[in-house]
Amino acid sequence: MYIEVAEGNDMSLRKEYIRDGKNRVIGSVTTGFDDESSVVRDEEGHILGRTSDRFSTARDSDGNLVSLNTSDPGLLINRKK
């Protein structure tokens, strides 16, 4: 998915799908934000959390820290609260 901003700035977002062992979509990750973060969503499109490549962290949808040393979006998929 690519989005062009009308003001002349070019922002390209990329959406990748996460699949399980049976090739079913169980989530998605949208990257390409200016702050080097990614948004993680479940199969229904609800936001599960954000990851930050700059700080190597992952936070759930409530803002709670899930990981201090990796920005792996897989940590937010199928996470029990």
PDB file of N, CA and C in Angstrom:
ATOM      1  N   MET A   1       0.838  -1.148   0.000  1.00  0.00           N
ATOM      2  CA  MET A   1       0.000   0.000   0.000  1.00  0.00           C
ATOM      3  C   MET A   1       0.895   1.227   0.000  1.00  0.00           C
ATOM      4  N   TYR A   2       0.714   2.119  -0.937  1.00  0.00           N
ATOM      5  CA  TYR A   2       1.474   3.358  -1.004  1.00  0.00           C
ATOM      6  C   TYR A   2       0.511   4.529  -0.958  1.00  0.00           C
ATOM      7  N   ILE A   3       0.845   5.531  -0.145  1.00  0.00           N
ATOM      8  CA  ILE A   3      -0.002   6.704   0.018  1.00  0.00           C
ATOM      9  C   ILE A   3       0.816   7.928  -0.356  1.00  0.00           C
ATOM     10  N   GLU A   4       0.268   8.780  -1.209  1.00  0.00           N
ATOM     11  CA  GLU A   4       0.935  10.022  -1.556  1.00  0.00           C
ATOM     12  C   GLU A   4       0.229  11.171  -0.870  1.00  0.00           C
ATOM     13  N   VAL A   5       1.000  12.027  -0.221  1.00  0.00           N
ATOM     14  CA  VAL A   5       0.444  13.180   0.468  1.00  0.00           C
ATOM     15  C   VAL A   5       0.382  14.333  -0.516  1.00  0.00           C
ATOM     16  N   ALA A   6      -0.707  15.073  -0.518  1.00  0.00           N
ATOM     17  CA  ALA A   6      -0.945  16.123  -1.502  1.00  0.00           C
ATOM     18  C   ALA A   6       0.005  17.310  -1.385  1.00  0.00           C
ATOM     19  N   GLU A   7       0.638  17.507  -0.232  1.00  0.00           N
ATOM     20  CA  GLU A   7       1.500  18.663  -0.019  1.00  0.00           C
ATOM     21  C   GLU A   7       2.857  18.534  -0.703  1.00  0.00           C
ATOM     22  N   GLY A   8       3.080  17.494  -1.423  1.00  0.00           N
ATOM     23  CA  GLY A   8       4.349  17.313  -2.097  1.00  0.00           C
ATOM     24  C   GLY A   8       5.274  16.357  -1.360  1.00  0.00           C
ATOM     25  N   ASN A   9       4.968  16.075  -0.105  1.00  0.00           N
ATOM     26  CA  ASN A   9       5.751  15.093   0.634  1.00  0.00           C
ATOM     27  C   ASN A   9       5.322  13.709   0.196  1.00  0.00           C
ATOM     28  N   ASP A  10       6.272  12.829   0.097  1.00  0.00           N
ATOM     29  CA  ASP A  10       5.956  11.468  -0.333  1.00  0.00           C
ATOM     30  C   ASP A  10       6.176  10.520   0.837  1.00  0.00           C
ATOM     31  N   MET A  11       5.097   9.926   1.295  1.00  0.00           N
ATOM     32  CA  MET A  11       5.163   9.001   2.414  1.00  0.00           C
ATOM     33  C   MET A  11       4.693   7.650   1.910  1.00  0.00           C
ATOM     34  N   SER A  12       5.524   6.644   2.006  1.00  0.00           N
ATOM     35  CA  SER A  12       5.086   5.337   1.541  1.00  0.00           C
ATOM     36  C   SER A  12       4.996   4.382   2.719  1.00  0.00           C
ATOM     37  N   LEU A  13       3.798   3.893   2.933  1.00  0.00           N
ATOM     38  CA  LEU A  13       3.560   2.914   3.978  1.00  0.00           C
ATOM     39  C   LEU A  13       3.505   1.543   3.342  1.00  0.00           C
ATOM     40  N   ARG A  14       3.954   0.554   4.073  1.00  0.00           N
ATOM     41  CA  ARG A  14       3.952  -0.811   3.561  1.00  0.00           C
ATOM     42  C   ARG A  14       3.227  -1.696   4.560  1.00  0.00           C
ATOM     43  N   LYS A  15       2.305  -2.501   4.061  1.00  0.00           N
ATOM     44  CA  LYS A  15       1.539  -3.393   4.917  1.00  0.00           C
ATOM     45  C   LYS A  15       1.904  -4.827   4.569  1.00  0.00           C
ATOM     46  N   GLU A  16       2.333  -5.568   5.586  1.00  0.00           N
ATOM     47  CA  GLU A  16       2.682  -6.973   5.412  1.00  0.00           C
ATOM     48  C   GLU A  16       1.745  -7.806   6.271  1.00  0.00           C
ATOM     49  N   TYR A  17       1.370  -8.971   5.772  1.00  0.00           N
ATOM     50  CA  TYR A  17       0.446  -9.841   6.484  1.00  0.00           C
ATOM     51  C   TYR A  17       1.201 -10.954   7.190  1.00  0.00           C
ATOM     52  N   ILE A  18       0.730 -11.301   8.374  1.00  0.00           N
ATOM     53  CA  ILE A  18       1.312 -12.383   9.163  1.00  0.00           C
ATOM     54  C   ILE A  18       0.372 -13.573   9.063  1.00  0.00           C
ATOM     55  N   ARG A  19       0.920 -14.725   8.708  1.00  0.00           N
ATOM     56  CA  ARG A  19       0.106 -15.929   8.514  1.00  0.00           C
ATOM     57  C   ARG A  19       0.529 -17.025   9.478  1.00  0.00           C
ATOM     58  N   ASP A  20      -0.425 -17.897   9.798  1.00  0.00           N
ATOM     59  CA  ASP A  20      -0.117 -19.027  10.666  1.00  0.00           C
ATOM     60  C   ASP A  20       0.337 -20.216   9.819  1.00  0.00           C
ATOM     61  N   GLY A  21       0.506 -21.362  10.428  1.00  0.00           N
ATOM     62  CA  GLY A  21       0.977 -22.551   9.735  1.00  0.00           C
ATOM     63  C   GLY A  21       0.013 -23.092   8.693  1.00  0.00           C
ATOM     64  N   LYS A  22      -1.249 -22.689   8.782  1.00  0.00           N
ATOM     65  CA  LYS A  22      -2.247 -23.132   7.810  1.00  0.00           C
ATOM     66  C   LYS A  22      -2.529 -22.067   6.754  1.00  0.00           C
ATOM     67  N   ASN A  23      -1.628 -21.076   6.651  1.00  0.00           N
ATOM     68  CA  ASN A  23      -1.678 -20.006   5.661  1.00  0.00           C
ATOM     69  C   ASN A  23      -2.868 -19.063   5.849  1.00  0.00           C
ATOM     70  N   ARG A  24      -3.411 -18.992   7.069  1.00  0.00           N
ATOM     71  CA  ARG A  24      -4.488 -18.051   7.378  1.00  0.00           C
ATOM     72  C   ARG A  24      -3.871 -16.751   7.883  1.00  0.00           C
ATOM     73  N   VAL A  25      -4.464 -15.635   7.512  1.00  0.00           N
ATOM     74  CA  VAL A  25      -3.988 -14.341   7.985  1.00  0.00           C
ATOM     75  C   VAL A  25      -4.384 -14.190   9.449  1.00  0.00           C
ATOM     76  N   ILE A  26      -3.390 -13.951  10.316  1.00  0.00           N
ATOM     77  CA  ILE A  26      -3.670 -13.758  11.734  1.00  0.00           C
ATOM     78  C   ILE A  26      -3.317 -12.349  12.199  1.00  0.00           C
ATOM     79  N   GLY A  27      -2.785 -11.532  11.299  1.00  0.00           N
ATOM     80  CA  GLY A  27      -2.459 -10.157  11.654  1.00  0.00           C
ATOM     81  C   GLY A  27      -1.749  -9.445  10.521  1.00  0.00           C
ATOM     82  N   SER A  28      -1.435  -8.166  10.762  1.00  0.00           N
ATOM     83  CA  SER A  28      -0.701  -7.386   9.772  1.00  0.00           C
ATOM     84  C   SER A  28       0.195  -6.379  10.482  1.00  0.00           C
ATOM     85  N   VAL A  29       1.230  -5.945   9.779  1.00  0.00           N
ATOM     86  CA  VAL A  29       2.169  -4.955  10.289  1.00  0.00           C
ATOM     87  C   VAL A  29       2.294  -3.857   9.243  1.00  0.00           C
ATOM     88  N   THR A  30       2.051  -2.619   9.654  1.00  0.00           N
ATOM     89  CA  THR A  30       2.196  -1.470   8.765  1.00  0.00           C
ATOM     90  C   THR A  30       3.454  -0.724   9.169  1.00  0.00           C
ATOM     91  N   THR A  31       4.382  -0.562   8.218  1.00  0.00           N
ATOM     92  CA  THR A  31       5.656   0.120   8.471  1.00  0.00           C
ATOM     93  C   THR A  31       5.784   1.316   7.541  1.00  0.00           C
ATOM     94  N   GLY A  32       6.812   2.122   7.773  1.00  0.00           N
ATOM     95  CA  GLY A  32       7.094   3.250   6.903  1.00  0.00           C
ATOM     96  C   GLY A  32       6.781   4.596   7.524  1.00  0.00           C
ATOM     97  N   PHE A  33       6.511   4.625   8.825  1.00  0.00           N
ATOM     98  CA  PHE A  33       6.231   5.883   9.497  1.00  0.00           C
ATOM     99  C   PHE A  33       7.535   6.636   9.745  1.00  0.00           C
ATOM    100  N   ASP A  34       7.445   7.967   9.841  1.00  0.00           N
ATOM    101  CA  ASP A  34       8.636   8.796  10.026  1.00  0.00           C
ATOM    102  C   ASP A  34       9.377   8.520  11.322  1.00  0.00           C
ATOM    103  N   ASP A  35       8.664   8.079  12.350  1.00  0.00           N
ATOM    104  CA  ASP A  35       9.305   7.861  13.644  1.00  0.00           C
ATOM    105  C   ASP A  35       9.861   6.442  13.796  1.00  0.00           C
ATOM    106  N   GLU A  36       9.998   5.723  12.697  1.00  0.00           N
ATOM    107  CA  GLU A  36      10.566   4.372  12.657  1.00  0.00           C
ATOM    108  C   GLU A  36       9.766   3.377  13.483  1.00  0.00           C
ATOM    109  N   SER A  37       8.450   3.581  13.561  1.00  0.00           N
ATOM    110  CA  SER A  37       7.597   2.658  14.299  1.00  0.00           C
ATOM    111  C   SER A  37       6.733   1.860  13.333  1.00  0.00           C
ATOM    112  N   SER A  38       6.115   0.824  13.860  1.00  0.00           N
ATOM    113  CA  SER A  38       5.203  -0.018  13.091  1.00  0.00           C
ATOM    114  C   SER A  38       3.932  -0.212  13.906  1.00  0.00           C
ATOM    115  N   VAL A  39       2.817  -0.361  13.209  1.00  0.00           N
ATOM    116  CA  VAL A  39       1.537  -0.628  13.863  1.00  0.00           C
ATOM    117  C   VAL A  39       1.177  -2.086  13.593  1.00  0.00           C
ATOM    118  N   VAL A  40       0.838  -2.816  14.647  1.00  0.00           N
ATOM    119  CA  VAL A  40       0.493  -4.231  14.545  1.00  0.00           C
ATOM    120  C   VAL A  40      -1.014  -4.366  14.761  1.00  0.00           C
ATOM    121  N   ARG A  41      -1.686  -5.062  13.833  1.00  0.00           N
ATOM    122  CA  ARG A  41      -3.134  -5.267  13.919  1.00  0.00           C
ATOM    123  C   ARG A  41      -3.458  -6.746  13.865  1.00  0.00           C
ATOM    124  N   ASP A  42      -4.614  -7.110  14.437  1.00  0.00           N
ATOM    125  CA  ASP A  42      -5.062  -8.498  14.362  1.00  0.00           C
ATOM    126  C   ASP A  42      -5.810  -8.733  13.051  1.00  0.00           C
ATOM    127  N   GLU A  43      -6.352  -9.941  12.872  1.00  0.00           N
ATOM    128  CA  GLU A  43      -7.013 -10.279  11.607  1.00  0.00           C
ATOM    129  C   GLU A  43      -8.277  -9.468  11.367  1.00  0.00           C
ATOM    130  N   GLU A  44      -8.848  -8.891  12.425  1.00  0.00           N
ATOM    131  CA  GLU A  44     -10.050  -8.071  12.291  1.00  0.00           C
ATOM    132  C   GLU A  44      -9.728  -6.593  12.124  1.00  0.00           C
ATOM    133  N   GLY A  45      -8.457  -6.234  12.188  1.00  0.00           N
ATOM    134  CA  GLY A  45      -8.044  -4.849  11.997  1.00  0.00           C
ATOM    135  C   GLY A  45      -7.907  -4.042  13.272  1.00  0.00           C
ATOM    136  N   HIS A  46      -8.095  -4.662  14.436  1.00  0.00           N
ATOM    137  CA  HIS A  46      -7.925  -3.962  15.705  1.00  0.00           C
ATOM    138  C   HIS A  46      -6.442  -3.801  16.023  1.00  0.00           C
ATOM    139  N   ILE A  47      -6.075  -2.648  16.536  1.00  0.00           N
ATOM    140  CA  ILE A  47      -4.671  -2.390  16.857  1.00  0.00           C
ATOM    141  C   ILE A  47      -4.260  -3.185  18.087  1.00  0.00           C
ATOM    142  N   LEU A  48      -3.203  -3.985  17.931  1.00  0.00           N
ATOM    143  CA  LEU A  48      -2.656  -4.772  19.038  1.00  0.00           C
ATOM    144  C   LEU A  48      -1.537  -4.034  19.750  1.00  0.00           C
ATOM    145  N   GLY A  49      -0.851  -3.143  19.025  1.00  0.00           N
ATOM    146  CA  GLY A  49       0.250  -2.401  19.624  1.00  0.00           C
ATOM    147  C   GLY A  49       1.152  -1.789  18.575  1.00  0.00           C
ATOM    148  N   ARG A  50       2.276  -1.262  19.059  1.00  0.00           N
ATOM    149  CA  ARG A  50       3.258  -0.617  18.187  1.00  0.00           C
ATOM    150  C   ARG A  50       4.651  -1.125  18.530  1.00  0.00           C
ATOM    151  N   THR A  51       5.505  -1.129  17.528  1.00  0.00           N
ATOM    152  CA  THR A  51       6.914  -1.432  17.762  1.00  0.00           C
ATOM    153  C   THR A  51       7.737  -0.231  17.322  1.00  0.00           C
ATOM    154  N   SER A  52       8.898  -0.076  17.914  1.00  0.00           N
ATOM    155  CA  SER A  52       9.789   1.023  17.566  1.00  0.00           C
ATOM    156  C   SER A  52      11.170   0.470  17.246  1.00  0.00           C
ATOM    157  N   ASP A  53      11.597   0.653  16.003  1.00  0.00           N
ATOM    158  CA  ASP A  53      12.947   0.225  15.622  1.00  0.00           C
ATOM    159  C   ASP A  53      13.999   1.147  16.237  1.00  0.00           C
ATOM    160  N   ARG A  54      13.650   2.399  16.437  1.00  0.00           N
ATOM    161  CA  ARG A  54      14.591   3.361  17.007  1.00  0.00           C
ATOM    162  C   ARG A  54      14.976   2.975  18.433  1.00  0.00           C
ATOM    163  N   PHE A  55      13.986   2.571  19.237  1.00  0.00           N
ATOM    164  CA  PHE A  55      14.241   2.249  20.634  1.00  0.00           C
ATOM    165  C   PHE A  55      14.256   0.747  20.913  1.00  0.00           C
ATOM    166  N   SER A  56      14.029  -0.072  19.896  1.00  0.00           N
ATOM    167  CA  SER A  56      13.987  -1.541  20.033  1.00  0.00           C
ATOM    168  C   SER A  56      13.012  -1.976  21.116  1.00  0.00           C
ATOM    169  N   THR A  57      11.781  -1.471  21.016  1.00  0.00           N
ATOM    170  CA  THR A  57      10.753  -1.807  21.998  1.00  0.00           C
ATOM    171  C   THR A  57       9.469  -2.234  21.301  1.00  0.00           C
ATOM    172  N   ALA A  58       8.628  -2.917  22.061  1.00  0.00           N
ATOM    173  CA  ALA A  58       7.286  -3.285  21.606  1.00  0.00           C
ATOM    174  C   ALA A  58       6.323  -2.936  22.732  1.00  0.00           C
ATOM    175  N   ARG A  59       5.219  -2.278  22.393  1.00  0.00           N
ATOM    176  CA  ARG A  59       4.204  -1.897  23.381  1.00  0.00           C
ATOM    177  C   ARG A  59       2.848  -2.394  22.923  1.00  0.00           C
ATOM    178  N   ASP A  60       2.032  -2.827  23.877  1.00  0.00           N
ATOM    179  CA  ASP A  60       0.698  -3.296  23.533  1.00  0.00           C
ATOM    180  C   ASP A  60      -0.235  -2.108  23.317  1.00  0.00           C
ATOM    181  N   SER A  61      -1.506  -2.377  23.035  1.00  0.00           N
ATOM    182  CA  SER A  61      -2.452  -1.313  22.702  1.00  0.00           C
ATOM    183  C   SER A  61      -2.728  -0.381  23.877  1.00  0.00           C
ATOM    184  N   ASP A  62      -2.445  -0.817  25.101  1.00  0.00           N
ATOM    185  CA  ASP A  62      -2.623   0.032  26.277  1.00  0.00           C
ATOM    186  C   ASP A  62      -1.380   0.855  26.593  1.00  0.00           C
ATOM    187  N   GLY A  63      -0.313   0.650  25.837  1.00  0.00           N
ATOM    188  CA  GLY A  63       0.935   1.376  26.062  1.00  0.00           C
ATOM    189  C   GLY A  63       1.896   0.684  26.994  1.00  0.00           C
ATOM    190  N   ASN A  64       1.534  -0.501  27.454  1.00  0.00           N
ATOM    191  CA  ASN A  64       2.416  -1.252  28.348  1.00  0.00           C
ATOM    192  C   ASN A  64       3.589  -1.840  27.577  1.00  0.00           C
ATOM    193  N   LEU A  65       4.757  -1.789  28.170  1.00  0.00           N
ATOM    194  CA  LEU A  65       5.969  -2.307  27.548  1.00  0.00           C
ATOM    195  C   LEU A  65       5.936  -3.829  27.518  1.00  0.00           C
ATOM    196  N   VAL A  66       6.101  -4.402  26.319  1.00  0.00           N
ATOM    197  CA  VAL A  66       6.111  -5.853  26.153  1.00  0.00           C
ATOM    198  C   VAL A  66       7.547  -6.352  26.050  1.00  0.00           C
ATOM    199  N   SER A  67       8.411  -5.588  25.376  1.00  0.00           N
ATOM    200  CA  SER A  67       9.805  -5.989  25.210  1.00  0.00           C
ATOM    201  C   SER A  67      10.704  -4.763  25.213  1.00  0.00           C
ATOM    202  N   LEU A  68      11.820  -4.877  25.922  1.00  0.00           N
ATOM    203  CA  LEU A  68      12.812  -3.803  25.992  1.00  0.00           C
ATOM    204  C   LEU A  68      13.911  -3.929  24.958  1.00  0.00           C
ATOM    205  N   ASN A  69      14.125  -5.123  24.429  1.00  0.00           N
ATOM    206  CA  ASN A  69      15.308  -5.333  23.594  1.00  0.00           C
ATOM    207  C   ASN A  69      15.007  -5.798  22.182  1.00  0.00           C
ATOM    208  N   THR A  70      13.754  -5.831  21.776  1.00  0.00           N
ATOM    209  CA  THR A  70      13.447  -6.199  20.395  1.00  0.00           C
ATOM    210  C   THR A  70      12.160  -5.522  19.948  1.00  0.00           C
ATOM    211  N   SER A  71      12.105  -5.191  18.688  1.00  0.00           N
ATOM    212  CA  SER A  71      10.900  -4.583  18.123  1.00  0.00           C
ATOM    213  C   SER A  71      10.149  -5.597  17.259  1.00  0.00           C
ATOM    214  N   ASP A  72      10.143  -6.845  17.687  1.00  0.00           N
ATOM    215  CA  ASP A  72       9.507  -7.930  16.944  1.00  0.00           C
ATOM    216  C   ASP A  72       7.979  -7.839  17.057  1.00  0.00           C
ATOM    217  N   PRO A  73       7.265  -7.622  15.947  1.00  0.00           N
ATOM    218  CA  PRO A  73       5.804  -7.529  16.012  1.00  0.00           C
ATOM    219  C   PRO A  73       5.145  -8.852  16.370  1.00  0.00           C
ATOM    220  N   GLY A  74       5.838  -9.956  16.205  1.00  0.00           N
ATOM    221  CA  GLY A  74       5.281 -11.259  16.540  1.00  0.00           C
ATOM    222  C   GLY A  74       4.994 -11.414  18.022  1.00  0.00           C
ATOM    223  N   LEU A  75       5.633 -10.606  18.857  1.00  0.00           N
ATOM    224  CA  LEU A  75       5.380 -10.655  20.288  1.00  0.00           C
ATOM    225  C   LEU A  75       3.983 -10.150  20.644  1.00  0.00           C
ATOM    226  N   LEU A  76       3.362  -9.393  19.752  1.00  0.00           N
ATOM    227  CA  LEU A  76       2.055  -8.814  20.024  1.00  0.00           C
ATOM    228  C   LEU A  76       0.898  -9.654  19.469  1.00  0.00           C
ATOM    229  N   ILE A  77       1.204 -10.590  18.574  1.00  0.00           N
ATOM    230  CA  ILE A  77       0.167 -11.441  17.975  1.00  0.00           C
ATOM    231  C   ILE A  77      -0.198 -12.550  18.956  1.00  0.00           C
ATOM    232  N   ASN A  78      -1.491 -12.790  19.122  1.00  0.00           N
ATOM    233  CA  ASN A  78      -2.022 -13.834  20.009  1.00  0.00           C
ATOM    234  C   ASN A  78      -1.501 -13.727  21.431  1.00  0.00           C
ATOM    235  N   ARG A  79      -1.295 -12.516  21.898  1.00  0.00           N
ATOM    236  CA  ARG A  79      -0.792 -12.288  23.253  1.00  0.00           C
ATOM    237  C   ARG A  79      -1.961 -12.278  24.222  1.00  0.00           C
ATOM    238  N   LYS A  80      -1.836 -13.017  25.302  1.00  0.00           N
ATOM    239  CA  LYS A  80      -2.867 -13.044  26.338  1.00  0.00           C
ATOM    240  C   LYS A  80      -2.689 -11.866  27.264  1.00  0.00           C
ATOM    241  N   LYS A  81      -3.779 -11.213  27.638  1.00  0.00           N
ATOM    242  CA  LYS A  81      -3.697 -10.061  28.549  1.00  0.00           C
ATOM    243  C   LYS A  81      -3.919 -10.469  29.970  1.00  0.00           C
TER     244      LYS A  81
END
